[in-house]
Amino acid sequence: MRADIKLALKVAKATAEPGAVATFDPFNAIPDGLKITVRTRHHSSIDIVVRNIPEEWGWTEGEDRWGRPRTVATPALEALAQALKTIHRAYNYDGSDISTDYFDVNYYGGVADANGRHLA
C-alpha cells in the first residue's frame, strides 16, 4: 500500500505535455503539508491515515446523511479518500458470506483522518 501511494503521488507530480488531454487526479490536488501514512493495528487491521488536512481545503459546512448540519469533507478530500480506499482494498481478499454470518478477510480497516474520522 505504501509503495502504491508513493507511486500515485509521483505520477500526480509529473507534468503532462502541452496539448495533452487533462485528466482529474485526486493526488494532484493535494496541498503542501498533507501527509498520508499507513498504520497497522493488531495483526488484522490496516488503516490509511490522512494527516495535516488544511481546514479550508478539507472541510466545509454541510449536512450529514440525516440532514443535520455538521462539518463534512469537501469534494476534493472525498475524491482523495476514495482513491486511497481503492488502494486499500486492492490487496484485500473477501470470501465472506453474510447469509451464513461467515467472515473471511485478509484484514480490516479503512481511510481516516488523524482524529479518527472515517473518510471512506
PDB file of N, CA and C in Angstrom:
ATOM      1  N   MET A   1       0.823  -1.189   0.000  1.00  0.00           N
ATOM      2  CA  MET A   1       0.000   0.000   0.000  1.00  0.00           C
ATOM      3  C   MET A   1       0.869   1.255   0.000  1.00  0.00           C
ATOM      4  N   ARG A   2       1.892   1.235   0.837  1.00  0.00           N
ATOM      5  CA  ARG A   2       2.774   2.410   0.901  1.00  0.00           C
ATOM      6  C   ARG A   2       3.406   2.684  -0.458  1.00  0.00           C
ATOM      7  N   ALA A   3       3.868   1.639  -1.127  1.00  0.00           N
ATOM      8  CA  ALA A   3       4.505   1.802  -2.435  1.00  0.00           C
ATOM      9  C   ALA A   3       3.506   2.327  -3.468  1.00  0.00           C
ATOM     10  N   ASP A   4       2.280   1.847  -3.419  1.00  0.00           N
ATOM     11  CA  ASP A   4       1.265   2.319  -4.364  1.00  0.00           C
ATOM     12  C   ASP A   4       0.928   3.790  -4.134  1.00  0.00           C
ATOM     13  N   ILE A   5       0.858   4.196  -2.886  1.00  0.00           N
ATOM     14  CA  ILE A   5       0.574   5.601  -2.577  1.00  0.00           C
ATOM     15  C   ILE A   5       1.726   6.478  -3.048  1.00  0.00           C
ATOM     16  N   LYS A   6       2.965   6.044  -2.796  1.00  0.00           N
ATOM     17  CA  LYS A   6       4.131   6.814  -3.254  1.00  0.00           C
ATOM     18  C   LYS A   6       4.140   6.935  -4.771  1.00  0.00           C
ATOM     19  N   LEU A   7       3.809   5.856  -5.462  1.00  0.00           N
ATOM     20  CA  LEU A   7       3.768   5.883  -6.926  1.00  0.00           C
ATOM     21  C   LEU A   7       2.670   6.831  -7.424  1.00  0.00           C
ATOM     22  N   ALA A   8       1.510   6.791  -6.800  1.00  0.00           N
ATOM     23  CA  ALA A   8       0.410   7.675  -7.200  1.00  0.00           C
ATOM     24  C   ALA A   8       0.789   9.138  -7.003  1.00  0.00           C
ATOM     25  N   LEU A   9       1.480   9.445  -5.918  1.00  0.00           N
ATOM     26  CA  LEU A   9       1.923  10.821  -5.673  1.00  0.00           C
ATOM     27  C   LEU A   9       2.973  11.239  -6.692  1.00  0.00           C
ATOM     28  N   LYS A  10       3.859  10.326  -7.048  1.00  0.00           N
ATOM     29  CA  LYS A  10       4.905  10.629  -8.030  1.00  0.00           C
ATOM     30  C   LYS A  10       4.300  10.867  -9.413  1.00  0.00           C
ATOM     31  N   VAL A  11       3.372  10.040  -9.811  1.00  0.00           N
ATOM     32  CA  VAL A  11       2.708  10.192 -11.106  1.00  0.00           C
ATOM     33  C   VAL A  11       1.915  11.501 -11.143  1.00  0.00           C
ATOM     34  N   ALA A  12       1.284  11.874 -10.045  1.00  0.00           N
ATOM     35  CA  ALA A  12       0.498  13.108  -9.997  1.00  0.00           C
ATOM     36  C   ALA A  12       1.370  14.340 -10.179  1.00  0.00           C
ATOM     37  N   LYS A  13       2.623  14.271  -9.722  1.00  0.00           N
ATOM     38  CA  LYS A  13       3.519  15.418  -9.838  1.00  0.00           C
ATOM     39  C   LYS A  13       4.138  15.544 -11.227  1.00  0.00           C
ATOM     40  N   ALA A  14       4.080  14.476 -12.009  1.00  0.00           N
ATOM     41  CA  ALA A  14       4.630  14.525 -13.364  1.00  0.00           C
ATOM     42  C   ALA A  14       3.790  15.471 -14.216  1.00  0.00           C
ATOM     43  N   THR A  15       4.439  16.313 -14.963  1.00  0.00           N
ATOM     44  CA  THR A  15       3.721  17.272 -15.792  1.00  0.00           C
ATOM     45  C   THR A  15       3.406  16.657 -17.140  1.00  0.00           C
ATOM     46  N   ALA A  16       2.255  17.007 -17.669  1.00  0.00           N
ATOM     47  CA  ALA A  16       1.837  16.489 -18.968  1.00  0.00           C
ATOM     48  C   ALA A  16       2.415  17.358 -20.087  1.00  0.00           C
ATOM     49  N   GLU A  17       2.511  16.786 -21.236  1.00  0.00           N
ATOM     50  CA  GLU A  17       2.974  17.512 -22.423  1.00  0.00           C
ATOM     51  C   GLU A  17       1.953  18.590 -22.776  1.00  0.00           C
ATOM     52  N   PRO A  18       2.381  19.704 -23.317  1.00  0.00           N
ATOM     53  CA  PRO A  18       1.426  20.707 -23.770  1.00  0.00           C
ATOM     54  C   PRO A  18       0.506  20.115 -24.841  1.00  0.00           C
ATOM     55  N   GLY A  19      -0.779  20.380 -24.703  1.00  0.00           N
ATOM     56  CA  GLY A  19      -1.765  19.868 -25.644  1.00  0.00           C
ATOM     57  C   GLY A  19      -2.282  18.485 -25.306  1.00  0.00           C
ATOM     58  N   ALA A  20      -1.776  17.874 -24.246  1.00  0.00           N
ATOM     59  CA  ALA A  20      -2.240  16.538 -23.847  1.00  0.00           C
ATOM     60  C   ALA A  20      -3.603  16.650 -23.181  1.00  0.00           C
ATOM     61  N   VAL A  21      -4.338  15.571 -23.214  1.00  0.00           N
ATOM     62  CA  VAL A  21      -5.653  15.532 -22.588  1.00  0.00           C
ATOM     63  C   VAL A  21      -5.478  15.598 -21.071  1.00  0.00           C
ATOM     64  N   ALA A  22      -6.174  16.524 -20.443  1.00  0.00           N
ATOM     65  CA  ALA A  22      -6.096  16.674 -18.986  1.00  0.00           C
ATOM     66  C   ALA A  22      -7.077  15.711 -18.329  1.00  0.00           C
ATOM     67  N   THR A  23      -6.626  15.005 -17.323  1.00  0.00           N
ATOM     68  CA  THR A  23      -7.483  14.116 -16.560  1.00  0.00           C
ATOM     69  C   THR A  23      -7.453  14.525 -15.103  1.00  0.00           C
ATOM     70  N   PHE A  24      -8.533  14.224 -14.378  1.00  0.00           N
ATOM     71  CA  PHE A  24      -8.584  14.557 -12.966  1.00  0.00           C
ATOM     72  C   PHE A  24      -7.848  13.495 -12.171  1.00  0.00           C
ATOM     73  N   ASP A  25      -6.958  13.935 -11.311  1.00  0.00           N
ATOM     74  CA  ASP A  25      -6.211  13.042 -10.441  1.00  0.00           C
ATOM     75  C   ASP A  25      -6.304  13.597  -9.023  1.00  0.00           C
ATOM     76  N   PRO A  26      -6.970  12.895  -8.105  1.00  0.00           N
ATOM     77  CA  PRO A  26      -7.110  13.425  -6.745  1.00  0.00           C
ATOM     78  C   PRO A  26      -5.775  13.609  -6.041  1.00  0.00           C
ATOM     79  N   PHE A  27      -4.751  12.866  -6.434  1.00  0.00           N
ATOM     80  CA  PHE A  27      -3.439  13.030  -5.811  1.00  0.00           C
ATOM     81  C   PHE A  27      -2.754  14.311  -6.276  1.00  0.00           C
ATOM     82  N   ASN A  28      -3.147  14.826  -7.421  1.00  0.00           N
ATOM     83  CA  ASN A  28      -2.569  16.059  -7.945  1.00  0.00           C
ATOM     84  C   ASN A  28      -3.061  17.282  -7.171  1.00  0.00           C
ATOM     85  N   ALA A  29      -4.213  17.176  -6.536  1.00  0.00           N
ATOM     86  CA  ALA A  29      -4.816  18.308  -5.837  1.00  0.00           C
ATOM     87  C   ALA A  29      -4.414  18.391  -4.367  1.00  0.00           C
ATOM     88  N   ILE A  30      -3.496  17.545  -3.933  1.00  0.00           N
ATOM     89  CA  ILE A  30      -3.108  17.524  -2.519  1.00  0.00           C
ATOM     90  C   ILE A  30      -2.328  18.793  -2.175  1.00  0.00           C
ATOM     91  N   PRO A  31      -2.748  19.501  -1.126  1.00  0.00           N
ATOM     92  CA  PRO A  31      -1.998  20.696  -0.723  1.00  0.00           C
ATOM     93  C   PRO A  31      -0.680  20.338  -0.035  1.00  0.00           C
ATOM     94  N   ASP A  32       0.232  21.288  -0.026  1.00  0.00           N
ATOM     95  CA  ASP A  32       1.520  21.085   0.647  1.00  0.00           C
ATOM     96  C   ASP A  32       1.292  20.841   2.137  1.00  0.00           C
ATOM     97  N   GLY A  33       2.066  19.960   2.706  1.00  0.00           N
ATOM     98  CA  GLY A  33       1.997  19.673   4.136  1.00  0.00           C
ATOM     99  C   GLY A  33       1.101  18.504   4.487  1.00  0.00           C
ATOM    100  N   LEU A  34       0.218  18.097   3.595  1.00  0.00           N
ATOM    101  CA  LEU A  34      -0.666  16.977   3.869  1.00  0.00           C
ATOM    102  C   LEU A  34       0.147  15.688   3.832  1.00  0.00           C
ATOM    103  N   LYS A  35      -0.060  14.826   4.809  1.00  0.00           N
ATOM    104  CA  LYS A  35       0.698  13.575   4.927  1.00  0.00           C
ATOM    105  C   LYS A  35      -0.261  12.388   4.878  1.00  0.00           C
ATOM    106  N   ILE A  36       0.174  11.337   4.201  1.00  0.00           N
ATOM    107  CA  ILE A  36      -0.590  10.102   4.128  1.00  0.00           C
ATOM    108  C   ILE A  36       0.272   8.996   4.712  1.00  0.00           C
ATOM    109  N   THR A  37      -0.233   8.321   5.734  1.00  0.00           N
ATOM    110  CA  THR A  37       0.519   7.254   6.375  1.00  0.00           C
ATOM    111  C   THR A  37      -0.304   5.963   6.375  1.00  0.00           C
ATOM    112  N   VAL A  38       0.393   4.849   6.434  1.00  0.00           N
ATOM    113  CA  VAL A  38      -0.249   3.542   6.537  1.00  0.00           C
ATOM    114  C   VAL A  38       0.136   2.975   7.899  1.00  0.00           C
ATOM    115  N   ARG A  39      -0.867   2.579   8.658  1.00  0.00           N
ATOM    116  CA  ARG A  39      -0.647   2.121  10.029  1.00  0.00           C
ATOM    117  C   ARG A  39      -1.300   0.759  10.223  1.00  0.00           C
ATOM    118  N   THR A  40      -0.597  -0.129  10.882  1.00  0.00           N
ATOM    119  CA  THR A  40      -1.128  -1.448  11.195  1.00  0.00           C
ATOM    120  C   THR A  40      -1.487  -1.495  12.672  1.00  0.00           C
ATOM    121  N   ARG A  41      -2.732  -1.832  12.927  1.00  0.00           N
ATOM    122  CA  ARG A  41      -3.180  -2.043  14.305  1.00  0.00           C
ATOM    123  C   ARG A  41      -3.446  -3.533  14.456  1.00  0.00           C
ATOM    124  N   HIS A  42      -2.887  -4.113  15.451  1.00  0.00           N
ATOM    125  CA  HIS A  42      -3.017  -5.553  15.691  1.00  0.00           C
ATOM    126  C   HIS A  42      -2.473  -6.308  14.474  1.00  0.00           C
ATOM    127  N   HIS A  43      -2.940  -7.482  14.233  1.00  0.00           N
ATOM    128  CA  HIS A  43      -2.463  -8.247  13.087  1.00  0.00           C
ATOM    129  C   HIS A  43      -3.479  -8.271  11.951  1.00  0.00           C
ATOM    130  N   SER A  44      -4.668  -7.737  12.190  1.00  0.00           N
ATOM    131  CA  SER A  44      -5.713  -7.870  11.179  1.00  0.00           C
ATOM    132  C   SER A  44      -6.351  -6.542  10.769  1.00  0.00           C
ATOM    133  N   SER A  45      -5.707  -5.421  11.063  1.00  0.00           N
ATOM    134  CA  SER A  45      -6.289  -4.131  10.716  1.00  0.00           C
ATOM    135  C   SER A  45      -5.220  -3.200  10.154  1.00  0.00           C
ATOM    136  N   ILE A  46      -5.484  -2.677   8.957  1.00  0.00           N
ATOM    137  CA  ILE A  46      -4.582  -1.730   8.306  1.00  0.00           C
ATOM    138  C   ILE A  46      -5.373  -0.465   8.016  1.00  0.00           C
ATOM    139  N   ASP A  47      -4.861   0.675   8.492  1.00  0.00           N
ATOM    140  CA  ASP A  47      -5.522   1.958   8.282  1.00  0.00           C
ATOM    141  C   ASP A  47      -4.638   2.880   7.459  1.00  0.00           C
ATOM    142  N   ILE A  48      -5.246   3.609   6.539  1.00  0.00           N
ATOM    143  CA  ILE A  48      -4.572   4.698   5.848  1.00  0.00           C
ATOM    144  C   ILE A  48      -5.050   5.976   6.524  1.00  0.00           C
ATOM    145  N   VAL A  49      -4.098   6.756   7.041  1.00  0.00           N
ATOM    146  CA  VAL A  49      -4.429   7.961   7.808  1.00  0.00           C
ATOM    147  C   VAL A  49      -3.952   9.192   7.051  1.00  0.00           C
ATOM    148  N   VAL A  50      -4.858  10.145   6.863  1.00  0.00           N
ATOM    149  CA  VAL A  50      -4.539  11.411   6.208  1.00  0.00           C
ATOM    150  C   VAL A  50      -4.354  12.443   7.311  1.00  0.00           C
ATOM    151  N   ARG A  51      -3.159  13.028   7.383  1.00  0.00           N
ATOM    152  CA  ARG A  51      -2.827  13.977   8.453  1.00  0.00           C
ATOM    153  C   ARG A  51      -2.574  15.371   7.888  1.00  0.00           C
ATOM    154  N   ASN A  52      -2.643  16.362   8.755  1.00  0.00           N
ATOM    155  CA  ASN A  52      -2.376  17.766   8.423  1.00  0.00           C
ATOM    156  C   ASN A  52      -3.276  18.260   7.295  1.00  0.00           C
ATOM    157  N   ILE A  53      -4.554  17.955   7.372  1.00  0.00           N
ATOM    158  CA  ILE A  53      -5.510  18.400   6.356  1.00  0.00           C
ATOM    159  C   ILE A  53      -5.815  19.874   6.605  1.00  0.00           C
ATOM    160  N   PRO A  54      -5.513  20.758   5.642  1.00  0.00           N
ATOM    161  CA  PRO A  54      -5.854  22.170   5.824  1.00  0.00           C
ATOM    162  C   PRO A  54      -7.371  22.333   5.945  1.00  0.00           C
ATOM    163  N   GLU A  55      -7.784  23.100   6.911  1.00  0.00           N
ATOM    164  CA  GLU A  55      -9.216  23.273   7.196  1.00  0.00           C
ATOM    165  C   GLU A  55      -9.987  23.742   5.966  1.00  0.00           C
ATOM    166  N   GLU A  56      -9.456  24.737   5.253  1.00  0.00           N
ATOM    167  CA  GLU A  56     -10.178  25.303   4.113  1.00  0.00           C
ATOM    168  C   GLU A  56     -10.200  24.364   2.903  1.00  0.00           C
ATOM    169  N   TRP A  57      -9.248  23.453   2.789  1.00  0.00           N
ATOM    170  CA  TRP A  57      -9.210  22.516   1.669  1.00  0.00           C
ATOM    171  C   TRP A  57     -10.035  21.262   1.952  1.00  0.00           C
ATOM    172  N   GLY A  58     -10.027  20.806   3.188  1.00  0.00           N
ATOM    173  CA  GLY A  58     -10.612  19.507   3.501  1.00  0.00           C
ATOM    174  C   GLY A  58     -12.008  19.494   4.075  1.00  0.00           C
ATOM    175  N   TRP A  59     -12.438  20.594   4.663  1.00  0.00           N
ATOM    176  CA  TRP A  59     -13.710  20.565   5.387  1.00  0.00           C
ATOM    177  C   TRP A  59     -14.594  21.738   5.010  1.00  0.00           C
ATOM    178  N   THR A  60     -15.882  21.506   5.025  1.00  0.00           N
ATOM    179  CA  THR A  60     -16.864  22.543   4.748  1.00  0.00           C
ATOM    180  C   THR A  60     -18.104  22.272   5.595  1.00  0.00           C
ATOM    181  N   GLU A  61     -18.948  23.268   5.722  1.00  0.00           N
ATOM    182  CA  GLU A  61     -20.200  23.082   6.456  1.00  0.00           C
ATOM    183  C   GLU A  61     -21.228  22.466   5.511  1.00  0.00           C
ATOM    184  N   GLY A  62     -21.896  21.450   5.964  1.00  0.00           N
ATOM    185  CA  GLY A  62     -22.897  20.769   5.151  1.00  0.00           C
ATOM    186  C   GLY A  62     -23.815  19.973   6.037  1.00  0.00           C
ATOM    187  N   GLU A  63     -24.485  19.008   5.447  1.00  0.00           N
ATOM    188  CA  GLU A  63     -25.403  18.165   6.201  1.00  0.00           C
ATOM    189  C   GLU A  63     -24.918  16.726   6.153  1.00  0.00           C
ATOM    190  N   ASP A  64     -25.140  16.026   7.257  1.00  0.00           N
ATOM    191  CA  ASP A  64     -24.808  14.607   7.253  1.00  0.00           C
ATOM    192  C   ASP A  64     -25.933  13.844   6.555  1.00  0.00           C
ATOM    193  N   ARG A  65     -25.860  12.536   6.557  1.00  0.00           N
ATOM    194  CA  ARG A  65     -26.860  11.743   5.825  1.00  0.00           C
ATOM    195  C   ARG A  65     -28.253  11.816   6.426  1.00  0.00           C
ATOM    196  N   TRP A  66     -28.397  12.345   7.634  1.00  0.00           N
ATOM    197  CA  TRP A  66     -29.700  12.504   8.268  1.00  0.00           C
ATOM    198  C   TRP A  66     -30.206  13.940   8.178  1.00  0.00           C
ATOM    199  N   GLY A  67     -29.480  14.804   7.470  1.00  0.00           N
ATOM    200  CA  GLY A  67     -29.920  16.179   7.277  1.00  0.00           C
ATOM    201  C   GLY A  67     -29.527  17.139   8.382  1.00  0.00           C
ATOM    202  N   ARG A  68     -28.713  16.706   9.316  1.00  0.00           N
ATOM    203  CA  ARG A  68     -28.274  17.586  10.405  1.00  0.00           C
ATOM    204  C   ARG A  68     -27.046  18.363   9.972  1.00  0.00           C
ATOM    205  N   PRO A  69     -26.955  19.655  10.345  1.00  0.00           N
ATOM    206  CA  PRO A  69     -25.772  20.437   9.959  1.00  0.00           C
ATOM    207  C   PRO A  69     -24.534  19.945  10.709  1.00  0.00           C
ATOM    208  N   ARG A  70     -23.434  19.846   9.977  1.00  0.00           N
ATOM    209  CA  ARG A  70     -22.166  19.439  10.574  1.00  0.00           C
ATOM    210  C   ARG A  70     -21.040  19.683   9.591  1.00  0.00           C
ATOM    211  N   THR A  71     -19.822  19.534  10.039  1.00  0.00           N
ATOM    212  CA  THR A  71     -18.658  19.679   9.179  1.00  0.00           C
ATOM    213  C   THR A  71     -18.482  18.396   8.380  1.00  0.00           C
ATOM    214  N   VAL A  72     -18.396  18.540   7.050  1.00  0.00           N
ATOM    215  CA  VAL A  72     -18.251  17.383   6.169  1.00  0.00           C
ATOM    216  C   VAL A  72     -17.039  17.586   5.275  1.00  0.00           C
ATOM    217  N   ALA A  73     -16.563  16.514   4.679  1.00  0.00           N
ATOM    218  CA  ALA A  73     -15.412  16.577   3.779  1.00  0.00           C
ATOM    219  C   ALA A  73     -15.793  17.286   2.482  1.00  0.00           C
ATOM    220  N   THR A  74     -14.853  18.055   1.933  1.00  0.00           N
ATOM    221  CA  THR A  74     -15.062  18.707   0.645  1.00  0.00           C
ATOM    222  C   THR A  74     -14.982  17.660  -0.467  1.00  0.00           C
ATOM    223  N   PRO A  75     -15.457  17.989  -1.669  1.00  0.00           N
ATOM    224  CA  PRO A  75     -15.335  17.038  -2.780  1.00  0.00           C
ATOM    225  C   PRO A  75     -13.886  16.631  -3.064  1.00  0.00           C
ATOM    226  N   ALA A  76     -12.932  17.536  -2.878  1.00  0.00           N
ATOM    227  CA  ALA A  76     -11.521  17.204  -3.112  1.00  0.00           C
ATOM    228  C   ALA A  76     -11.036  16.155  -2.118  1.00  0.00           C
ATOM    229  N   LEU A  77     -11.398  16.303  -0.847  1.00  0.00           N
ATOM    230  CA  LEU A  77     -10.998  15.330   0.170  1.00  0.00           C
ATOM    231  C   LEU A  77     -11.721  14.007  -0.043  1.00  0.00           C
ATOM    232  N   GLU A  78     -12.993  14.055  -0.433  1.00  0.00           N
ATOM    233  CA  GLU A  78     -13.727  12.824  -0.707  1.00  0.00           C
ATOM    234  C   GLU A  78     -13.096  12.050  -1.872  1.00  0.00           C
ATOM    235  N   ALA A  79     -12.684  12.769  -2.924  1.00  0.00           N
ATOM    236  CA  ALA A  79     -12.049  12.114  -4.070  1.00  0.00           C
ATOM    237  C   ALA A  79     -10.731  11.458  -3.658  1.00  0.00           C
ATOM    238  N   LEU A  80      -9.944  12.153  -2.845  1.00  0.00           N
ATOM    239  CA  LEU A  80      -8.694  11.585  -2.351  1.00  0.00           C
ATOM    240  C   LEU A  80      -8.970  10.352  -1.497  1.00  0.00           C
ATOM    241  N   ALA A  81      -9.969  10.436  -0.616  1.00  0.00           N
ATOM    242  CA  ALA A  81     -10.302   9.305   0.243  1.00  0.00           C
ATOM    243  C   ALA A  81     -10.758   8.102  -0.576  1.00  0.00           C
ATOM    244  N   GLN A  82     -11.530   8.314  -1.630  1.00  0.00           N
ATOM    245  CA  GLN A  82     -11.981   7.209  -2.475  1.00  0.00           C
ATOM    246  C   GLN A  82     -10.800   6.564  -3.212  1.00  0.00           C
ATOM    247  N   ALA A  83      -9.862   7.389  -3.676  1.00  0.00           N
ATOM    248  CA  ALA A  83      -8.667   6.848  -4.345  1.00  0.00           C
ATOM    249  C   ALA A  83      -7.835   6.019  -3.366  1.00  0.00           C
ATOM    250  N   LEU A  84      -7.701   6.498  -2.135  1.00  0.00           N
ATOM    251  CA  LEU A  84      -6.966   5.748  -1.116  1.00  0.00           C
ATOM    252  C   LEU A  84      -7.703   4.465  -0.736  1.00  0.00           C
ATOM    253  N   LYS A  85      -9.026   4.529  -0.706  1.00  0.00           N
ATOM    254  CA  LYS A  85      -9.830   3.348  -0.401  1.00  0.00           C
ATOM    255  C   LYS A  85      -9.638   2.272  -1.474  1.00  0.00           C
ATOM    256  N   THR A  86      -9.519   2.699  -2.731  1.00  0.00           N
ATOM    257  CA  THR A  86      -9.280   1.759  -3.825  1.00  0.00           C
ATOM    258  C   THR A  86      -7.939   1.050  -3.631  1.00  0.00           C
ATOM    259  N   ILE A  87      -6.915   1.809  -3.251  1.00  0.00           N
ATOM    260  CA  ILE A  87      -5.612   1.204  -2.971  1.00  0.00           C
ATOM    261  C   ILE A  87      -5.706   0.265  -1.775  1.00  0.00           C
ATOM    262  N   HIS A  88      -6.412   0.676  -0.740  1.00  0.00           N
ATOM    263  CA  HIS A  88      -6.569  -0.119   0.482  1.00  0.00           C
ATOM    264  C   HIS A  88      -7.218  -1.469   0.182  1.00  0.00           C
ATOM    265  N   ARG A  89      -8.242  -1.450  -0.644  1.00  0.00           N
ATOM    266  CA  ARG A  89      -8.986  -2.682  -0.917  1.00  0.00           C
ATOM    267  C   ARG A  89      -8.322  -3.569  -1.973  1.00  0.00           C
ATOM    268  N   ALA A  90      -7.351  -3.038  -2.704  1.00  0.00           N
ATOM    269  CA  ALA A  90      -6.731  -3.802  -3.779  1.00  0.00           C
ATOM    270  C   ALA A  90      -6.043  -5.069  -3.284  1.00  0.00           C
ATOM    271  N   TYR A  91      -5.579  -5.066  -2.052  1.00  0.00           N
ATOM    272  CA  TYR A  91      -4.841  -6.204  -1.516  1.00  0.00           C
ATOM    273  C   TYR A  91      -5.681  -7.098  -0.613  1.00  0.00           C
ATOM    274  N   ASN A  92      -6.928  -6.759  -0.441  1.00  0.00           N
ATOM    275  CA  ASN A  92      -7.757  -7.493   0.497  1.00  0.00           C
ATOM    276  C   ASN A  92      -8.518  -8.604  -0.211  1.00  0.00           C
ATOM    277  N   TYR A  93      -8.594  -9.718   0.438  1.00  0.00           N
ATOM    278  CA  TYR A  93      -9.390 -10.848  -0.011  1.00  0.00           C
ATOM    279  C   TYR A  93     -10.648 -10.858   0.833  1.00  0.00           C
ATOM    280  N   ASP A  94     -11.789 -11.023   0.206  1.00  0.00           N
ATOM    281  CA  ASP A  94     -13.035 -11.063   0.970  1.00  0.00           C
ATOM    282  C   ASP A  94     -13.863 -12.250   0.508  1.00  0.00           C
ATOM    283  N   GLY A  95     -13.776 -13.319   1.262  1.00  0.00           N
ATOM    284  CA  GLY A  95     -14.557 -14.516   0.966  1.00  0.00           C
ATOM    285  C   GLY A  95     -15.699 -14.674   1.953  1.00  0.00           C
ATOM    286  N   SER A  96     -16.173 -13.564   2.503  1.00  0.00           N
ATOM    287  CA  SER A  96     -17.238 -13.597   3.499  1.00  0.00           C
ATOM    288  C   SER A  96     -18.564 -14.013   2.872  1.00  0.00           C
ATOM    289  N   ASP A  97     -19.415 -14.579   3.700  1.00  0.00           N
ATOM    290  CA  ASP A  97     -20.763 -14.958   3.284  1.00  0.00           C
ATOM    291  C   ASP A  97     -21.724 -14.440   4.342  1.00  0.00           C
ATOM    292  N   ILE A  98     -22.388 -13.330   4.030  1.00  0.00           N
ATOM    293  CA  ILE A  98     -23.246 -12.692   5.024  1.00  0.00           C
ATOM    294  C   ILE A  98     -24.469 -13.546   5.353  1.00  0.00           C
ATOM    295  N   SER A  99     -24.904 -14.386   4.426  1.00  0.00           N
ATOM    296  CA  SER A  99     -26.097 -15.196   4.685  1.00  0.00           C
ATOM    297  C   SER A  99     -25.846 -16.254   5.758  1.00  0.00           C
ATOM    298  N   THR A 100     -24.581 -16.654   5.943  1.00  0.00           N
ATOM    299  CA  THR A 100     -24.266 -17.634   6.980  1.00  0.00           C
ATOM    300  C   THR A 100     -23.460 -17.027   8.115  1.00  0.00           C
ATOM    301  N   ASP A 101     -23.290 -15.701   8.089  1.00  0.00           N
ATOM    302  CA  ASP A 101     -22.553 -14.983   9.122  1.00  0.00           C
ATOM    303  C   ASP A 101     -21.104 -15.478   9.212  1.00  0.00           C
ATOM    304  N   TYR A 102     -20.492 -15.688   8.037  1.00  0.00           N
ATOM    305  CA  TYR A 102     -19.118 -16.165   7.939  1.00  0.00           C
ATOM    306  C   TYR A 102     -18.241 -15.034   7.419  1.00  0.00           C
ATOM    307  N   PHE A 103     -17.187 -14.690   8.159  1.00  0.00           N
ATOM    308  CA  PHE A 103     -16.290 -13.615   7.772  1.00  0.00           C
ATOM    309  C   PHE A 103     -14.916 -14.192   7.451  1.00  0.00           C
ATOM    310  N   ASP A 104     -14.422 -13.881   6.258  1.00  0.00           N
ATOM    311  CA  ASP A 104     -13.135 -14.394   5.805  1.00  0.00           C
ATOM    312  C   ASP A 104     -12.454 -13.292   4.994  1.00  0.00           C
ATOM    313  N   VAL A 105     -11.619 -12.474   5.660  1.00  0.00           N
ATOM    314  CA  VAL A 105     -10.912 -11.379   5.001  1.00  0.00           C
ATOM    315  C   VAL A 105      -9.447 -11.418   5.415  1.00  0.00           C
ATOM    316  N   ASN A 106      -8.599 -10.777   4.581  1.00  0.00           N
ATOM    317  CA  ASN A 106      -7.188 -10.658   4.949  1.00  0.00           C
ATOM    318  C   ASN A 106      -7.012  -9.679   6.095  1.00  0.00           C
ATOM    319  N   TYR A 107      -7.709  -8.561   6.014  1.00  0.00           N
ATOM    320  CA  TYR A 107      -7.565  -7.521   7.030  1.00  0.00           C
ATOM    321  C   TYR A 107      -8.784  -6.609   7.019  1.00  0.00           C
ATOM    322  N   TYR A 108      -8.934  -5.854   8.098  1.00  0.00           N
ATOM    323  CA  TYR A 108      -9.974  -4.846   8.230  1.00  0.00           C
ATOM    324  C   TYR A 108      -9.302  -3.482   8.177  1.00  0.00           C
ATOM    325  N   GLY A 109     -10.071  -2.427   8.281  1.00  0.00           N
ATOM    326  CA  GLY A 109      -9.512  -1.079   8.304  1.00  0.00           C
ATOM    327  C   GLY A 109     -10.172  -0.195   7.280  1.00  0.00           C
ATOM    328  N   GLY A 110      -9.579   0.983   7.086  1.00  0.00           N
ATOM    329  CA  GLY A 110     -10.144   1.934   6.144  1.00  0.00           C
ATOM    330  C   GLY A 110      -9.300   3.181   6.060  1.00  0.00           C
ATOM    331  N   VAL A 111      -9.924   4.269   5.614  1.00  0.00           N
ATOM    332  CA  VAL A 111      -9.267   5.548   5.448  1.00  0.00           C
ATOM    333  C   VAL A 111      -9.879   6.525   6.449  1.00  0.00           C
ATOM    334  N   ALA A 112      -9.017   7.191   7.230  1.00  0.00           N
ATOM    335  CA  ALA A 112      -9.490   8.121   8.253  1.00  0.00           C
ATOM    336  C   ALA A 112      -8.552   9.311   8.339  1.00  0.00           C
ATOM    337  N   ASP A 113      -9.005  10.351   9.044  1.00  0.00           N
ATOM    338  CA  ASP A 113      -8.107  11.480   9.305  1.00  0.00           C
ATOM    339  C   ASP A 113      -7.397  11.240  10.636  1.00  0.00           C
ATOM    340  N   ALA A 114      -6.553  12.165  11.039  1.00  0.00           N
ATOM    341  CA  ALA A 114      -5.749  11.995  12.256  1.00  0.00           C
ATOM    342  C   ALA A 114      -6.616  11.939  13.513  1.00  0.00           C
ATOM    343  N   ASN A 115      -7.830  12.487  13.449  1.00  0.00           N
ATOM    344  CA  ASN A 115      -8.727  12.468  14.598  1.00  0.00           C
ATOM    345  C   ASN A 115      -9.601  11.230  14.640  1.00  0.00           C
ATOM    346  N   GLY A 116      -9.422  10.345  13.670  1.00  0.00           N
ATOM    347  CA  GLY A 116     -10.186   9.106  13.641  1.00  0.00           C
ATOM    348  C   GLY A 116     -11.497   9.209  12.880  1.00  0.00           C
ATOM    349  N   ARG A 117     -11.767  10.371  12.238  1.00  0.00           N
ATOM    350  CA  ARG A 117     -12.996  10.487  11.454  1.00  0.00           C
ATOM    351  C   ARG A 117     -12.871   9.641  10.200  1.00  0.00           C
ATOM    352  N   HIS A 118     -13.837   8.798   9.981  1.00  0.00           N
ATOM    353  CA  HIS A 118     -13.862   7.899   8.831  1.00  0.00           C
ATOM    354  C   HIS A 118     -14.059   8.722   7.564  1.00  0.00           C
ATOM    355  N   LEU A 119     -13.172   8.572   6.583  1.00  0.00           N
ATOM    356  CA  LEU A 119     -13.271   9.313   5.324  1.00  0.00           C
ATOM    357  C   LEU A 119     -13.838   8.460   4.196  1.00  0.00           C
ATOM    358  N   ALA A 120     -13.505   7.193   4.170  1.00  0.00           N
ATOM    359  CA  ALA A 120     -14.013   6.332   3.086  1.00  0.00           C
ATOM    360  C   ALA A 120     -14.071   4.885   3.567  1.00  0.00           C
TER     361      ALA A 120
END
